[in-house]
Amino acid sequence: MSQEIEAKVRELIKEVVELTVPIEEVGIEDDLMNLGMNSINSIKVIVAIEGEFGFEFDDEDLNFENFRNIRKLVSYIESRMQK
């Protein structure tokens, strides 16, 4: 499941954020903020994830630390899908 979620997250990021490197070259732990993601892009990614996976982020989880890298995004999505 994680690989499928990671692939979808990468696809969504590619659709809404123009990073400084191709998404295929972004490591799972690479800091997305250092690669061109900003607060507005983060909101776009959140909205895209909510639409794709069918849940809304909890207000208390809307913290940029939760979106710093692909691993954190995948972990958050997995935890939400288990609820």
Protein backbone atom coordinates (compact mmCIF):
# COMPACT_ATOMS: atom_id res chain seq x y z
CA MET A 1 0.00 0.00 0.00
CA SER A 2 2.78 2.46 0.88
CA GLN A 3 4.30 2.29 -2.59
CA GLU A 4 0.92 2.97 -4.19
CA ILE A 5 0.34 5.93 -1.87
CA GLU A 6 3.85 7.24 -2.49
CA ALA A 7 3.36 7.01 -6.26
CA LYS A 8 0.05 8.89 -6.02
CA VAL A 9 1.56 11.56 -3.72
CA ARG A 10 4.41 12.07 -6.18
CA GLU A 11 1.90 12.39 -9.03
CA LEU A 12 -0.16 14.94 -7.09
CA ILE A 13 2.90 16.98 -6.14
CA LYS A 14 4.04 16.97 -9.76
CA GLU A 15 0.62 18.26 -10.85
CA VAL A 16 0.44 21.21 -8.42
CA VAL A 17 4.02 22.18 -7.51
CA GLU A 18 6.90 23.22 -9.72
CA LEU A 19 9.90 21.86 -7.82
CA THR A 20 13.50 22.73 -8.62
CA VAL A 21 14.16 19.08 -9.58
CA PRO A 22 11.97 16.47 -11.29
CA ILE A 23 9.72 14.63 -8.82
CA GLU A 24 11.35 11.35 -9.88
CA GLU A 25 14.65 12.61 -8.43
CA VAL A 26 13.15 13.64 -5.08
CA GLY A 27 14.11 11.26 -2.29
CA ILE A 28 11.44 10.16 0.16
CA GLU A 29 13.19 12.11 2.96
CA ASP A 30 14.16 15.19 0.91
CA ASP A 31 12.87 18.45 2.32
CA LEU A 32 10.21 19.63 -0.13
CA MET A 33 10.46 23.20 1.17
CA ASN A 34 14.11 23.29 0.04
CA LEU A 35 13.02 22.07 -3.40
CA GLY A 36 10.55 24.85 -4.12
CA MET A 37 7.40 24.01 -2.16
CA ASN A 38 5.93 26.94 -0.26
CA SER A 39 2.84 27.55 1.87
CA ILE A 40 0.54 28.12 -1.11
CA ASN A 41 1.80 24.96 -2.82
CA SER A 42 1.31 23.07 0.43
CA ILE A 43 -2.36 24.07 0.46
CA LYS A 44 -2.71 22.89 -3.14
CA VAL A 45 -1.13 19.55 -2.21
CA ILE A 46 -3.45 19.22 0.81
CA VAL A 47 -6.53 19.87 -1.34
CA ALA A 48 -5.30 17.40 -3.98
CA ILE A 49 -4.65 14.71 -1.34
CA GLU A 50 -8.05 15.27 0.26
CA GLY A 51 -9.75 14.88 -3.11
CA GLU A 52 -7.73 11.83 -4.12
CA PHE A 53 -7.96 9.91 -0.85
CA GLY A 54 -11.40 11.05 0.32
CA PHE A 55 -10.68 12.60 3.71
CA GLU A 56 -10.06 16.04 5.17
CA PHE A 57 -6.94 16.95 7.10
CA ASP A 58 -7.66 17.63 10.77
CA ASP A 59 -7.04 21.28 11.68
CA GLU A 60 -4.45 20.30 14.28
CA ASP A 61 -2.52 18.41 11.58
CA LEU A 62 -2.19 21.43 9.29
CA ASN A 63 1.41 21.95 10.31
CA PHE A 64 4.16 22.34 7.72
CA GLU A 65 6.25 19.76 9.56
CA ASN A 66 3.69 17.16 8.43
CA PHE A 67 4.40 18.03 4.79
CA ARG A 68 8.17 18.49 4.77
CA ASN A 69 8.85 15.30 2.85
CA ILE A 70 7.11 12.53 0.97
CA ARG A 71 7.57 10.01 3.81
CA LYS A 72 5.65 12.24 6.24
CA LEU A 73 2.83 12.74 3.74
CA VAL A 74 2.58 8.99 3.07
CA SER A 75 2.59 8.20 6.81
CA TYR A 76 -0.17 10.74 7.45
CA ILE A 77 -2.32 9.38 4.63
CA GLU A 78 -1.83 5.81 5.85
CA SER A 79 -2.84 6.77 9.40
CA ARG A 80 -5.98 8.52 8.13
CA MET A 81 -6.96 5.59 5.92
CA GLN A 82 -6.75 3.19 8.87
CA LYS A 83 -9.35 5.17 10.84
